[in-house]
Amino acid sequence: MYYDNRNLMQRTSQPQTQARPKKKEVRTPKIDVFETEEKYFIRLSLPGVKKEHLKIFFNEQGLLEVKGEVITTLPANTQKVIVQEIFEGPFQRQIRLPNKLDKRNIDYSYDNGVLIMILSK
């Protein structure tokens, strides 16, 4: 019995040496929303996202939507993945804002994996 428990402990405490099949899970990025008398400021954390993979728009329900995909590549000649914890795949975030704002004018900046959007009331 002792041997079996020890073997179980060894198997569960060691890192996985084979990559599991990836699910295309859609992640929801974290946000901060701030308000002044004239504007809304929205900040999204999007590490690993290239600017050209971002889409920002108001959807059919009138929600501000940010979506895209984190695409990574493995180094050349990679034989196997030992550990892969960093998110890769699609993301989407919908944000409900008051109707009284200028939906045609969204100012935004994207730097170091942080998207900042500014919307006028």
PDB file of N, CA and C in Angstrom:
ATOM      1  N   MET A   1       0.823  -1.199   0.000  1.00  0.00           N
ATOM      2  CA  MET A   1       0.000   0.000   0.000  1.00  0.00           C
ATOM      3  C   MET A   1       0.862   1.257   0.000  1.00  0.00           C
ATOM      4  N   TYR A   2       1.914   1.284   0.753  1.00  0.00           N
ATOM      5  CA  TYR A   2       2.791   2.447   0.800  1.00  0.00           C
ATOM      6  C   TYR A   2       3.364   2.747  -0.581  1.00  0.00           C
ATOM      7  N   TYR A   3       3.781   1.738  -1.285  1.00  0.00           N
ATOM      8  CA  TYR A   3       4.346   1.922  -2.624  1.00  0.00           C
ATOM      9  C   TYR A   3       3.318   2.546  -3.574  1.00  0.00           C
ATOM     10  N   ASP A   4       2.082   2.075  -3.524  1.00  0.00           N
ATOM     11  CA  ASP A   4       1.045   2.618  -4.398  1.00  0.00           C
ATOM     12  C   ASP A   4       0.803   4.101  -4.124  1.00  0.00           C
ATOM     13  N   ASN A   5       0.747   4.482  -2.849  1.00  0.00           N
ATOM     14  CA  ASN A   5       0.528   5.884  -2.507  1.00  0.00           C
ATOM     15  C   ASN A   5       1.701   6.745  -2.964  1.00  0.00           C
ATOM     16  N   ARG A   6       2.892   6.242  -2.773  1.00  0.00           N
ATOM     17  CA  ARG A   6       4.078   6.994  -3.171  1.00  0.00           C
ATOM     18  C   ARG A   6       4.085   7.183  -4.692  1.00  0.00           C
ATOM     19  N   ASN A   7       3.753   6.134  -5.411  1.00  0.00           N
ATOM     20  CA  ASN A   7       3.695   6.211  -6.862  1.00  0.00           C
ATOM     21  C   ASN A   7       2.632   7.226  -7.302  1.00  0.00           C
ATOM     22  N   LEU A   8       1.485   7.227  -6.640  1.00  0.00           N
ATOM     23  CA  LEU A   8       0.433   8.184  -6.948  1.00  0.00           C
ATOM     24  C   LEU A   8       0.920   9.603  -6.689  1.00  0.00           C
ATOM     25  N   MET A   9       1.597   9.818  -5.565  1.00  0.00           N
ATOM     26  CA  MET A   9       2.114  11.146  -5.236  1.00  0.00           C
ATOM     27  C   MET A   9       3.135  11.602  -6.276  1.00  0.00           C
ATOM     28  N   GLN A  10       3.978  10.708  -6.718  1.00  0.00           N
ATOM     29  CA  GLN A  10       4.967  11.071  -7.730  1.00  0.00           C
ATOM     30  C   GLN A  10       4.279  11.469  -9.037  1.00  0.00           C
ATOM     31  N   ARG A  11       3.262  10.731  -9.413  1.00  0.00           N
ATOM     32  CA  ARG A  11       2.577  11.019 -10.674  1.00  0.00           C
ATOM     33  C   ARG A  11       1.836  12.356 -10.619  1.00  0.00           C
ATOM     34  N   THR A  12       1.228  12.675  -9.497  1.00  0.00           N
ATOM     35  CA  THR A  12       0.425  13.900  -9.421  1.00  0.00           C
ATOM     36  C   THR A  12       1.254  15.136  -9.114  1.00  0.00           C
ATOM     37  N   SER A  13       2.437  14.988  -8.539  1.00  0.00           N
ATOM     38  CA  SER A  13       3.232  16.160  -8.195  1.00  0.00           C
ATOM     39  C   SER A  13       4.191  16.561  -9.309  1.00  0.00           C
ATOM     40  N   GLN A  14       4.383  15.708 -10.285  1.00  0.00           N
ATOM     41  CA  GLN A  14       5.283  16.035 -11.382  1.00  0.00           C
ATOM     42  C   GLN A  14       4.508  16.748 -12.488  1.00  0.00           C
ATOM     43  N   PRO A  15       5.171  17.674 -13.185  1.00  0.00           N
ATOM     44  CA  PRO A  15       4.477  18.375 -14.269  1.00  0.00           C
ATOM     45  C   PRO A  15       4.115  17.440 -15.407  1.00  0.00           C
ATOM     46  N   GLN A  16       3.062  17.797 -16.102  1.00  0.00           N
ATOM     47  CA  GLN A  16       2.662  17.037 -17.281  1.00  0.00           C
ATOM     48  C   GLN A  16       3.750  17.183 -18.338  1.00  0.00           C
ATOM     49  N   THR A  17       4.147  16.099 -18.945  1.00  0.00           N
ATOM     50  CA  THR A  17       5.195  16.176 -19.955  1.00  0.00           C
ATOM     51  C   THR A  17       4.635  16.146 -21.364  1.00  0.00           C
ATOM     52  N   GLN A  18       3.342  15.989 -21.488  1.00  0.00           N
ATOM     53  CA  GLN A  18       2.736  16.002 -22.811  1.00  0.00           C
ATOM     54  C   GLN A  18       1.653  17.067 -22.842  1.00  0.00           C
ATOM     55  N   ALA A  19       1.581  17.741 -23.947  1.00  0.00           N
ATOM     56  CA  ALA A  19       0.551  18.774 -24.085  1.00  0.00           C
ATOM     57  C   ALA A  19      -0.812  18.117 -24.241  1.00  0.00           C
ATOM     58  N   ARG A  20      -1.786  18.701 -23.584  1.00  0.00           N
ATOM     59  CA  ARG A  20      -3.160  18.235 -23.746  1.00  0.00           C
ATOM     60  C   ARG A  20      -3.753  18.890 -24.977  1.00  0.00           C
ATOM     61  N   PRO A  21      -4.723  18.237 -25.600  1.00  0.00           N
ATOM     62  CA  PRO A  21      -5.376  18.894 -26.738  1.00  0.00           C
ATOM     63  C   PRO A  21      -6.007  20.206 -26.279  1.00  0.00           C
ATOM     64  N   LYS A  22      -5.850  21.248 -27.078  1.00  0.00           N
ATOM     65  CA  LYS A  22      -6.359  22.558 -26.696  1.00  0.00           C
ATOM     66  C   LYS A  22      -7.812  22.705 -27.092  1.00  0.00           C
ATOM     67  N   LYS A  23      -8.607  23.211 -26.149  1.00  0.00           N
ATOM     68  CA  LYS A  23      -9.984  23.568 -26.452  1.00  0.00           C
ATOM     69  C   LYS A  23      -9.968  25.022 -26.896  1.00  0.00           C
ATOM     70  N   LYS A  24     -10.835  25.380 -27.772  1.00  0.00           N
ATOM     71  CA  LYS A  24     -10.946  26.776 -28.185  1.00  0.00           C
ATOM     72  C   LYS A  24     -11.891  27.497 -27.233  1.00  0.00           C
ATOM     73  N   GLU A  25     -11.478  27.584 -26.001  1.00  0.00           N
ATOM     74  CA  GLU A  25     -12.236  28.270 -24.964  1.00  0.00           C
ATOM     75  C   GLU A  25     -12.158  29.774 -25.212  1.00  0.00           C
ATOM     76  N   VAL A  26     -13.278  30.456 -25.134  1.00  0.00           N
ATOM     77  CA  VAL A  26     -13.298  31.904 -25.305  1.00  0.00           C
ATOM     78  C   VAL A  26     -13.120  32.534 -23.933  1.00  0.00           C
ATOM     79  N   ARG A  27     -12.066  33.279 -23.771  1.00  0.00           N
ATOM     80  CA  ARG A  27     -11.775  33.928 -22.496  1.00  0.00           C
ATOM     81  C   ARG A  27     -12.418  35.301 -22.430  1.00  0.00           C
ATOM     82  N   THR A  28     -12.623  35.775 -21.206  1.00  0.00           N
ATOM     83  CA  THR A  28     -13.165  37.106 -20.960  1.00  0.00           C
ATOM     84  C   THR A  28     -12.091  37.936 -20.272  1.00  0.00           C
ATOM     85  N   PRO A  29     -11.520  38.931 -20.963  1.00  0.00           N
ATOM     86  CA  PRO A  29     -10.464  39.730 -20.342  1.00  0.00           C
ATOM     87  C   PRO A  29     -11.000  40.596 -19.201  1.00  0.00           C
ATOM     88  N   LYS A  30     -10.140  40.895 -18.267  1.00  0.00           N
ATOM     89  CA  LYS A  30     -10.495  41.743 -17.126  1.00  0.00           C
ATOM     90  C   LYS A  30     -10.501  43.208 -17.558  1.00  0.00           C
ATOM     91  N   ILE A  31     -11.398  43.985 -16.920  1.00  0.00           N
ATOM     92  CA  ILE A  31     -11.524  45.399 -17.281  1.00  0.00           C
ATOM     93  C   ILE A  31     -11.584  46.282 -16.044  1.00  0.00           C
ATOM     94  N   ASP A  32     -11.296  47.558 -16.269  1.00  0.00           N
ATOM     95  CA  ASP A  32     -11.555  48.634 -15.318  1.00  0.00           C
ATOM     96  C   ASP A  32     -12.382  49.663 -16.076  1.00  0.00           C
ATOM     97  N   VAL A  33     -13.384  50.240 -15.417  1.00  0.00           N
ATOM     98  CA  VAL A  33     -14.202  51.286 -16.038  1.00  0.00           C
ATOM     99  C   VAL A  33     -14.219  52.483 -15.093  1.00  0.00           C
ATOM    100  N   PHE A  34     -13.916  53.658 -15.646  1.00  0.00           N
ATOM    101  CA  PHE A  34     -13.904  54.901 -14.885  1.00  0.00           C
ATOM    102  C   PHE A  34     -14.814  55.896 -15.582  1.00  0.00           C
ATOM    103  N   GLU A  35     -15.350  56.833 -14.798  1.00  0.00           N
ATOM    104  CA  GLU A  35     -16.261  57.830 -15.357  1.00  0.00           C
ATOM    105  C   GLU A  35     -15.877  59.213 -14.860  1.00  0.00           C
ATOM    106  N   THR A  36     -15.935  60.192 -15.773  1.00  0.00           N
ATOM    107  CA  THR A  36     -15.837  61.600 -15.404  1.00  0.00           C
ATOM    108  C   THR A  36     -17.159  62.247 -15.826  1.00  0.00           C
ATOM    109  N   GLU A  37     -17.279  63.547 -15.652  1.00  0.00           N
ATOM    110  CA  GLU A  37     -18.512  64.227 -16.056  1.00  0.00           C
ATOM    111  C   GLU A  37     -18.746  64.144 -17.559  1.00  0.00           C
ATOM    112  N   GLU A  38     -17.667  64.023 -18.332  1.00  0.00           N
ATOM    113  CA  GLU A  38     -17.786  64.080 -19.789  1.00  0.00           C
ATOM    114  C   GLU A  38     -17.482  62.778 -20.515  1.00  0.00           C
ATOM    115  N   LYS A  39     -16.791  61.835 -19.848  1.00  0.00           N
ATOM    116  CA  LYS A  39     -16.308  60.655 -20.571  1.00  0.00           C
ATOM    117  C   LYS A  39     -16.343  59.386 -19.723  1.00  0.00           C
ATOM    118  N   TYR A  40     -16.276  58.256 -20.439  1.00  0.00           N
ATOM    119  CA  TYR A  40     -16.042  56.946 -19.827  1.00  0.00           C
ATOM    120  C   TYR A  40     -14.667  56.478 -20.280  1.00  0.00           C
ATOM    121  N   PHE A  41     -13.932  55.904 -19.360  1.00  0.00           N
ATOM    122  CA  PHE A  41     -12.620  55.334 -19.659  1.00  0.00           C
ATOM    123  C   PHE A  41     -12.695  53.841 -19.360  1.00  0.00           C
ATOM    124  N   ILE A  42     -12.322  53.036 -20.323  1.00  0.00           N
ATOM    125  CA  ILE A  42     -12.359  51.580 -20.158  1.00  0.00           C
ATOM    126  C   ILE A  42     -10.967  51.045 -20.460  1.00  0.00           C
ATOM    127  N   ARG A  43     -10.463  50.245 -19.541  1.00  0.00           N
ATOM    128  CA  ARG A  43      -9.125  49.663 -19.692  1.00  0.00           C
ATOM    129  C   ARG A  43      -9.253  48.147 -19.663  1.00  0.00           C
ATOM    130  N   LEU A  44      -8.711  47.472 -20.680  1.00  0.00           N
ATOM    131  CA  LEU A  44      -8.732  46.009 -20.761  1.00  0.00           C
ATOM    132  C   LEU A  44      -7.312  45.477 -20.733  1.00  0.00           C
ATOM    133  N   SER A  45      -7.130  44.385 -20.023  1.00  0.00           N
ATOM    134  CA  SER A  45      -5.845  43.697 -19.976  1.00  0.00           C
ATOM    135  C   SER A  45      -5.836  42.618 -21.058  1.00  0.00           C
ATOM    136  N   LEU A  46      -4.962  42.789 -22.062  1.00  0.00           N
ATOM    137  CA  LEU A  46      -4.917  41.877 -23.203  1.00  0.00           C
ATOM    138  C   LEU A  46      -3.477  41.451 -23.514  1.00  0.00           C
ATOM    139  N   PRO A  47      -2.808  40.798 -22.580  1.00  0.00           N
ATOM    140  CA  PRO A  47      -1.415  40.415 -22.842  1.00  0.00           C
ATOM    141  C   PRO A  47      -1.307  39.434 -24.008  1.00  0.00           C
ATOM    142  N   GLY A  48      -0.318  39.672 -24.852  1.00  0.00           N
ATOM    143  CA  GLY A  48      -0.068  38.769 -25.964  1.00  0.00           C
ATOM    144  C   GLY A  48      -0.895  39.027 -27.203  1.00  0.00           C
ATOM    145  N   VAL A  49      -1.771  40.039 -27.173  1.00  0.00           N
ATOM    146  CA  VAL A  49      -2.632  40.325 -28.326  1.00  0.00           C
ATOM    147  C   VAL A  49      -1.948  41.359 -29.218  1.00  0.00           C
ATOM    148  N   LYS A  50      -1.883  41.057 -30.499  1.00  0.00           N
ATOM    149  CA  LYS A  50      -1.369  42.028 -31.459  1.00  0.00           C
ATOM    150  C   LYS A  50      -2.511  42.967 -31.857  1.00  0.00           C
ATOM    151  N   LYS A  51      -2.163  44.226 -32.076  1.00  0.00           N
ATOM    152  CA  LYS A  51      -3.172  45.242 -32.396  1.00  0.00           C
ATOM    153  C   LYS A  51      -4.032  44.836 -33.592  1.00  0.00           C
ATOM    154  N   GLU A  52      -3.419  44.205 -34.584  1.00  0.00           N
ATOM    155  CA  GLU A  52      -4.178  43.815 -35.779  1.00  0.00           C
ATOM    156  C   GLU A  52      -5.163  42.678 -35.521  1.00  0.00           C
ATOM    157  N   HIS A  53      -5.093  42.055 -34.344  1.00  0.00           N
ATOM    158  CA  HIS A  53      -6.033  40.986 -33.993  1.00  0.00           C
ATOM    159  C   HIS A  53      -7.168  41.477 -33.095  1.00  0.00           C
ATOM    160  N   LEU A  54      -7.281  42.797 -32.914  1.00  0.00           N
ATOM    161  CA  LEU A  54      -8.333  43.396 -32.080  1.00  0.00           C
ATOM    162  C   LEU A  54      -9.499  43.882 -32.938  1.00  0.00           C
ATOM    163  N   LYS A  55     -10.715  43.663 -32.452  1.00  0.00           N
ATOM    164  CA  LYS A  55     -11.919  44.213 -33.077  1.00  0.00           C
ATOM    165  C   LYS A  55     -12.704  44.933 -31.986  1.00  0.00           C
ATOM    166  N   ILE A  56     -13.055  46.190 -32.237  1.00  0.00           N
ATOM    167  CA  ILE A  56     -13.804  47.008 -31.279  1.00  0.00           C
ATOM    168  C   ILE A  56     -15.024  47.560 -32.007  1.00  0.00           C
ATOM    169  N   PHE A  57     -16.229  47.277 -31.472  1.00  0.00           N
ATOM    170  CA  PHE A  57     -17.448  47.721 -32.145  1.00  0.00           C
ATOM    171  C   PHE A  57     -18.628  47.643 -31.182  1.00  0.00           C
ATOM    172  N   PHE A  58     -19.740  48.276 -31.571  1.00  0.00           N
ATOM    173  CA  PHE A  58     -21.003  48.120 -30.858  1.00  0.00           C
ATOM    174  C   PHE A  58     -21.791  47.039 -31.582  1.00  0.00           C
ATOM    175  N   ASN A  59     -22.216  46.025 -30.838  1.00  0.00           N
ATOM    176  CA  ASN A  59     -22.932  44.907 -31.459  1.00  0.00           C
ATOM    177  C   ASN A  59     -24.419  45.234 -31.629  1.00  0.00           C
ATOM    178  N   GLU A  60     -25.191  44.273 -32.129  1.00  0.00           N
ATOM    179  CA  GLU A  60     -26.616  44.488 -32.417  1.00  0.00           C
ATOM    180  C   GLU A  60     -27.435  44.812 -31.170  1.00  0.00           C
ATOM    181  N   GLN A  61     -26.973  44.369 -30.004  1.00  0.00           N
ATOM    182  CA  GLN A  61     -27.670  44.656 -28.745  1.00  0.00           C
ATOM    183  C   GLN A  61     -27.254  46.002 -28.154  1.00  0.00           C
ATOM    184  N   GLY A  62     -26.356  46.729 -28.824  1.00  0.00           N
ATOM    185  CA  GLY A  62     -25.907  48.024 -28.339  1.00  0.00           C
ATOM    186  C   GLY A  62     -24.797  47.945 -27.313  1.00  0.00           C
ATOM    187  N   LEU A  63     -24.202  46.773 -27.139  1.00  0.00           N
ATOM    188  CA  LEU A  63     -23.105  46.609 -26.191  1.00  0.00           C
ATOM    189  C   LEU A  63     -21.778  46.886 -26.883  1.00  0.00           C
ATOM    190  N   LEU A  64     -20.875  47.539 -26.168  1.00  0.00           N
ATOM    191  CA  LEU A  64     -19.523  47.714 -26.676  1.00  0.00           C
ATOM    192  C   LEU A  64     -18.838  46.358 -26.606  1.00  0.00           C
ATOM    193  N   GLU A  65     -18.296  45.907 -27.712  1.00  0.00           N
ATOM    194  CA  GLU A  65     -17.702  44.572 -27.757  1.00  0.00           C
ATOM    195  C   GLU A  65     -16.248  44.668 -28.209  1.00  0.00           C
ATOM    196  N   VAL A  66     -15.406  43.962 -27.481  1.00  0.00           N
ATOM    197  CA  VAL A  66     -13.994  43.838 -27.839  1.00  0.00           C
ATOM    198  C   VAL A  66     -13.725  42.355 -28.000  1.00  0.00           C
ATOM    199  N   LYS A  67     -13.200  41.978 -29.144  1.00  0.00           N
ATOM    200  CA  LYS A  67     -12.901  40.567 -29.358  1.00  0.00           C
ATOM    201  C   LYS A  67     -11.639  40.436 -30.186  1.00  0.00           C
ATOM    202  N   GLY A  68     -11.091  39.247 -30.160  1.00  0.00           N
ATOM    203  CA  GLY A  68      -9.879  38.984 -30.916  1.00  0.00           C
ATOM    204  C   GLY A  68      -9.317  37.633 -30.548  1.00  0.00           C
ATOM    205  N   GLU A  69      -8.022  37.486 -30.785  1.00  0.00           N
ATOM    206  CA  GLU A  69      -7.394  36.198 -30.520  1.00  0.00           C
ATOM    207  C   GLU A  69      -5.934  36.392 -30.148  1.00  0.00           C
ATOM    208  N   VAL A  70      -5.490  35.600 -29.179  1.00  0.00           N
ATOM    209  CA  VAL A  70      -4.076  35.530 -28.827  1.00  0.00           C
ATOM    210  C   VAL A  70      -3.494  34.384 -29.640  1.00  0.00           C
ATOM    211  N   ILE A  71      -2.546  34.715 -30.508  1.00  0.00           N
ATOM    212  CA  ILE A  71      -1.928  33.702 -31.358  1.00  0.00           C
ATOM    213  C   ILE A  71      -0.450  33.626 -30.999  1.00  0.00           C
ATOM    214  N   THR A  72      -0.015  32.449 -30.626  1.00  0.00           N
ATOM    215  CA  THR A  72       1.398  32.258 -30.311  1.00  0.00           C
ATOM    216  C   THR A  72       1.970  31.179 -31.214  1.00  0.00           C
ATOM    217  N   THR A  73       3.264  31.195 -31.349  1.00  0.00           N
ATOM    218  CA  THR A  73       3.936  30.159 -32.128  1.00  0.00           C
ATOM    219  C   THR A  73       5.023  29.535 -31.274  1.00  0.00           C
ATOM    220  N   LEU A  74       5.255  28.275 -31.497  1.00  0.00           N
ATOM    221  CA  LEU A  74       6.315  27.573 -30.783  1.00  0.00           C
ATOM    222  C   LEU A  74       7.642  27.811 -31.491  1.00  0.00           C
ATOM    223  N   PRO A  75       8.735  27.781 -30.747  1.00  0.00           N
ATOM    224  CA  PRO A  75      10.044  27.903 -31.386  1.00  0.00           C
ATOM    225  C   PRO A  75      10.252  26.783 -32.411  1.00  0.00           C
ATOM    226  N   ALA A  76      11.032  27.080 -33.436  1.00  0.00           N
ATOM    227  CA  ALA A  76      11.325  26.076 -34.466  1.00  0.00           C
ATOM    228  C   ALA A  76      11.953  24.843 -33.829  1.00  0.00           C
ATOM    229  N   ASN A  77      11.656  23.708 -34.376  1.00  0.00           N
ATOM    230  CA  ASN A  77      12.201  22.415 -33.936  1.00  0.00           C
ATOM    231  C   ASN A  77      11.715  21.978 -32.556  1.00  0.00           C
ATOM    232  N   THR A  78      10.601  22.529 -32.064  1.00  0.00           N
ATOM    233  CA  THR A  78      10.048  22.093 -30.786  1.00  0.00           C
ATOM    234  C   THR A  78       9.552  20.661 -30.929  1.00  0.00           C
ATOM    235  N   GLN A  79      10.025  19.788 -30.044  1.00  0.00           N
ATOM    236  CA  GLN A  79       9.632  18.382 -30.117  1.00  0.00           C
ATOM    237  C   GLN A  79       8.419  18.089 -29.249  1.00  0.00           C
ATOM    238  N   LYS A  80       8.344  18.710 -28.087  1.00  0.00           N
ATOM    239  CA  LYS A  80       7.179  18.526 -27.232  1.00  0.00           C
ATOM    240  C   LYS A  80       7.058  19.709 -26.289  1.00  0.00           C
ATOM    241  N   VAL A  81       5.852  19.930 -25.829  1.00  0.00           N
ATOM    242  CA  VAL A  81       5.582  21.004 -24.876  1.00  0.00           C
ATOM    243  C   VAL A  81       5.641  20.403 -23.481  1.00  0.00           C
ATOM    244  N   ILE A  82       6.441  20.972 -22.608  1.00  0.00           N
ATOM    245  CA  ILE A  82       6.560  20.484 -21.233  1.00  0.00           C
ATOM    246  C   ILE A  82       5.455  21.101 -20.375  1.00  0.00           C
ATOM    247  N   VAL A  83       5.354  22.418 -20.385  1.00  0.00           N
ATOM    248  CA  VAL A  83       4.314  23.138 -19.645  1.00  0.00           C
ATOM    249  C   VAL A  83       3.817  24.261 -20.545  1.00  0.00           C
ATOM    250  N   GLN A  84       2.504  24.431 -20.635  1.00  0.00           N
ATOM    251  CA  GLN A  84       1.942  25.538 -21.403  1.00  0.00           C
ATOM    252  C   GLN A  84       0.766  26.105 -20.623  1.00  0.00           C
ATOM    253  N   GLU A  85       1.029  27.176 -19.882  1.00  0.00           N
ATOM    254  CA  GLU A  85       0.016  27.783 -19.029  1.00  0.00           C
ATOM    255  C   GLU A  85      -0.482  29.124 -19.562  1.00  0.00           C
ATOM    256  N   ILE A  86       0.271  29.760 -20.424  1.00  0.00           N
ATOM    257  CA  ILE A  86      -0.102  31.075 -20.929  1.00  0.00           C
ATOM    258  C   ILE A  86      -1.246  30.927 -21.921  1.00  0.00           C
ATOM    259  N   PHE A  87      -2.268  31.761 -21.742  1.00  0.00           N
ATOM    260  CA  PHE A  87      -3.470  31.662 -22.571  1.00  0.00           C
ATOM    261  C   PHE A  87      -3.164  31.895 -24.042  1.00  0.00           C
ATOM    262  N   GLU A  88      -3.818  31.100 -24.846  1.00  0.00           N
ATOM    263  CA  GLU A  88      -3.750  31.204 -26.300  1.00  0.00           C
ATOM    264  C   GLU A  88      -5.143  30.900 -26.829  1.00  0.00           C
ATOM    265  N   GLY A  89      -5.649  31.742 -27.702  1.00  0.00           N
ATOM    266  CA  GLY A  89      -6.963  31.482 -28.263  1.00  0.00           C
ATOM    267  C   GLY A  89      -7.833  32.726 -28.304  1.00  0.00           C
ATOM    268  N   PRO A  90      -9.131  32.541 -28.562  1.00  0.00           N
ATOM    269  CA  PRO A  90     -10.037  33.678 -28.718  1.00  0.00           C
ATOM    270  C   PRO A  90     -10.441  34.300 -27.375  1.00  0.00           C
ATOM    271  N   PHE A  91     -10.760  35.595 -27.423  1.00  0.00           N
ATOM    272  CA  PHE A  91     -11.294  36.285 -26.251  1.00  0.00           C
ATOM    273  C   PHE A  91     -12.414  37.203 -26.719  1.00  0.00           C
ATOM    274  N   GLN A  92     -13.285  37.551 -25.769  1.00  0.00           N
ATOM    275  CA  GLN A  92     -14.407  38.435 -26.079  1.00  0.00           C
ATOM    276  C   GLN A  92     -14.878  39.084 -24.787  1.00  0.00           C
ATOM    277  N   ARG A  93     -15.184  40.376 -24.862  1.00  0.00           N
ATOM    278  CA  ARG A  93     -15.743  41.081 -23.707  1.00  0.00           C
ATOM    279  C   ARG A  93     -16.825  42.022 -24.208  1.00  0.00           C
ATOM    280  N   GLN A  94     -18.004  41.948 -23.595  1.00  0.00           N
ATOM    281  CA  GLN A  94     -19.102  42.851 -23.915  1.00  0.00           C
ATOM    282  C   GLN A  94     -19.324  43.757 -22.714  1.00  0.00           C
ATOM    283  N   ILE A  95     -19.499  45.055 -22.994  1.00  0.00           N
ATOM    284  CA  ILE A  95     -19.612  46.044 -21.926  1.00  0.00           C
ATOM    285  C   ILE A  95     -20.880  46.858 -22.150  1.00  0.00           C
ATOM    286  N   ARG A  96     -21.754  46.847 -21.142  1.00  0.00           N
ATOM    287  CA  ARG A  96     -22.993  47.634 -21.220  1.00  0.00           C
ATOM    288  C   ARG A  96     -22.699  49.033 -20.680  1.00  0.00           C
ATOM    289  N   LEU A  97     -23.022  50.031 -21.495  1.00  0.00           N
ATOM    290  CA  LEU A  97     -22.839  51.425 -21.112  1.00  0.00           C
ATOM    291  C   LEU A  97     -24.170  52.149 -21.274  1.00  0.00           C
ATOM    292  N   PRO A  98     -24.345  53.296 -20.616  1.00  0.00           N
ATOM    293  CA  PRO A  98     -25.590  54.053 -20.787  1.00  0.00           C
ATOM    294  C   PRO A  98     -25.802  54.428 -22.251  1.00  0.00           C
ATOM    295  N   ASN A  99     -27.053  54.562 -22.639  1.00  0.00           N
ATOM    296  CA  ASN A  99     -27.380  54.879 -24.031  1.00  0.00           C
ATOM    297  C   ASN A  99     -26.920  56.268 -24.452  1.00  0.00           C
ATOM    298  N   LYS A 100     -26.798  57.170 -23.496  1.00  0.00           N
ATOM    299  CA  LYS A 100     -26.443  58.550 -23.829  1.00  0.00           C
ATOM    300  C   LYS A 100     -24.927  58.701 -23.950  1.00  0.00           C
ATOM    301  N   LEU A 101     -24.400  58.210 -25.054  1.00  0.00           N
ATOM    302  CA  LEU A 101     -22.992  58.430 -25.353  1.00  0.00           C
ATOM    303  C   LEU A 101     -22.797  58.405 -26.857  1.00  0.00           C
ATOM    304  N   ASP A 102     -21.689  58.947 -27.290  1.00  0.00           N
ATOM    305  CA  ASP A 102     -21.397  59.036 -28.718  1.00  0.00           C
ATOM    306  C   ASP A 102     -20.785  57.718 -29.184  1.00  0.00           C
ATOM    307  N   LYS A 103     -21.617  56.846 -29.741  1.00  0.00           N
ATOM    308  CA  LYS A 103     -21.159  55.518 -30.156  1.00  0.00           C
ATOM    309  C   LYS A 103     -20.324  55.554 -31.431  1.00  0.00           C
ATOM    310  N   ARG A 104     -20.343  56.666 -32.134  1.00  0.00           N
ATOM    311  CA  ARG A 104     -19.566  56.753 -33.374  1.00  0.00           C
ATOM    312  C   ARG A 104     -18.127  57.160 -33.123  1.00  0.00           C
ATOM    313  N   ASN A 105     -17.859  57.647 -31.929  1.00  0.00           N
ATOM    314  CA  ASN A 105     -16.540  58.203 -31.661  1.00  0.00           C
ATOM    315  C   ASN A 105     -15.896  57.498 -30.466  1.00  0.00           C
ATOM    316  N   ILE A 106     -15.069  56.506 -30.742  1.00  0.00           N
ATOM    317  CA  ILE A 106     -14.327  55.801 -29.698  1.00  0.00           C
ATOM    318  C   ILE A 106     -12.848  56.090 -29.912  1.00  0.00           C
ATOM    319  N   ASP A 107     -12.253  56.785 -28.964  1.00  0.00           N
ATOM    320  CA  ASP A 107     -10.804  56.973 -29.010  1.00  0.00           C
ATOM    321  C   ASP A 107     -10.173  55.817 -28.259  1.00  0.00           C
ATOM    322  N   TYR A 108      -9.106  55.278 -28.801  1.00  0.00           N
ATOM    323  CA  TYR A 108      -8.448  54.187 -28.089  1.00  0.00           C
ATOM    324  C   TYR A 108      -6.951  54.194 -28.337  1.00  0.00           C
ATOM    325  N   SER A 109      -6.257  53.603 -27.399  1.00  0.00           N
ATOM    326  CA  SER A 109      -4.819  53.381 -27.545  1.00  0.00           C
ATOM    327  C   SER A 109      -4.531  51.969 -27.059  1.00  0.00           C
ATOM    328  N   TYR A 110      -3.496  51.383 -27.605  1.00  0.00           N
ATOM    329  CA  TYR A 110      -3.121  50.016 -27.232  1.00  0.00           C
ATOM    330  C   TYR A 110      -1.608  49.973 -27.099  1.00  0.00           C
ATOM    331  N   ASP A 111      -1.149  49.671 -25.891  1.00  0.00           N
ATOM    332  CA  ASP A 111       0.286  49.659 -25.629  1.00  0.00           C
ATOM    333  C   ASP A 111       0.593  48.648 -24.532  1.00  0.00           C
ATOM    334  N   ASN A 112       1.607  47.838 -24.746  1.00  0.00           N
ATOM    335  CA  ASN A 112       2.067  46.854 -23.757  1.00  0.00           C
ATOM    336  C   ASN A 112       0.947  45.956 -23.237  1.00  0.00           C
ATOM    337  N   GLY A 113       0.045  45.540 -24.117  1.00  0.00           N
ATOM    338  CA  GLY A 113      -1.008  44.610 -23.728  1.00  0.00           C
ATOM    339  C   GLY A 113      -2.167  45.233 -22.975  1.00  0.00           C
ATOM    340  N   VAL A 114      -2.256  46.568 -22.978  1.00  0.00           N
ATOM    341  CA  VAL A 114      -3.363  47.256 -22.304  1.00  0.00           C
ATOM    342  C   VAL A 114      -4.101  48.116 -23.330  1.00  0.00           C
ATOM    343  N   LEU A 115      -5.396  47.851 -23.487  1.00  0.00           N
ATOM    344  CA  LEU A 115      -6.252  48.632 -24.374  1.00  0.00           C
ATOM    345  C   LEU A 115      -6.990  49.660 -23.527  1.00  0.00           C
ATOM    346  N   ILE A 116      -6.894  50.923 -23.919  1.00  0.00           N
ATOM    347  CA  ILE A 116      -7.626  51.992 -23.236  1.00  0.00           C
ATOM    348  C   ILE A 116      -8.577  52.616 -24.246  1.00  0.00           C
ATOM    349  N   MET A 117      -9.871  52.628 -23.910  1.00  0.00           N
ATOM    350  CA  MET A 117     -10.889  53.232 -24.764  1.00  0.00           C
ATOM    351  C   MET A 117     -11.507  54.412 -24.027  1.00  0.00           C
ATOM    352  N   ILE A 118     -11.749  55.484 -24.769  1.00  0.00           N
ATOM    353  CA  ILE A 118     -12.352  56.688 -24.201  1.00  0.00           C
ATOM    354  C   ILE A 118     -13.591  57.010 -25.020  1.00  0.00           C
ATOM    355  N   LEU A 119     -14.729  57.083 -24.339  1.00  0.00           N
ATOM    356  CA  LEU A 119     -16.005  57.370 -25.001  1.00  0.00           C
ATOM    357  C   LEU A 119     -16.608  58.629 -24.401  1.00  0.00           C
ATOM    358  N   SER A 120     -17.035  59.546 -25.266  1.00  0.00           N
ATOM    359  CA  SER A 120     -17.675  60.781 -24.808  1.00  0.00           C
ATOM    360  C   SER A 120     -19.136  60.523 -24.483  1.00  0.00           C
ATOM    361  N   LYS A 121     -19.616  61.217 -23.456  1.00  0.00           N
ATOM    362  CA  LYS A 121     -21.030  61.096 -23.073  1.00  0.00           C
ATOM    363  C   LYS A 121     -21.896  61.911 -24.005  1.00  0.00           C
TER     364      LYS A 121
END
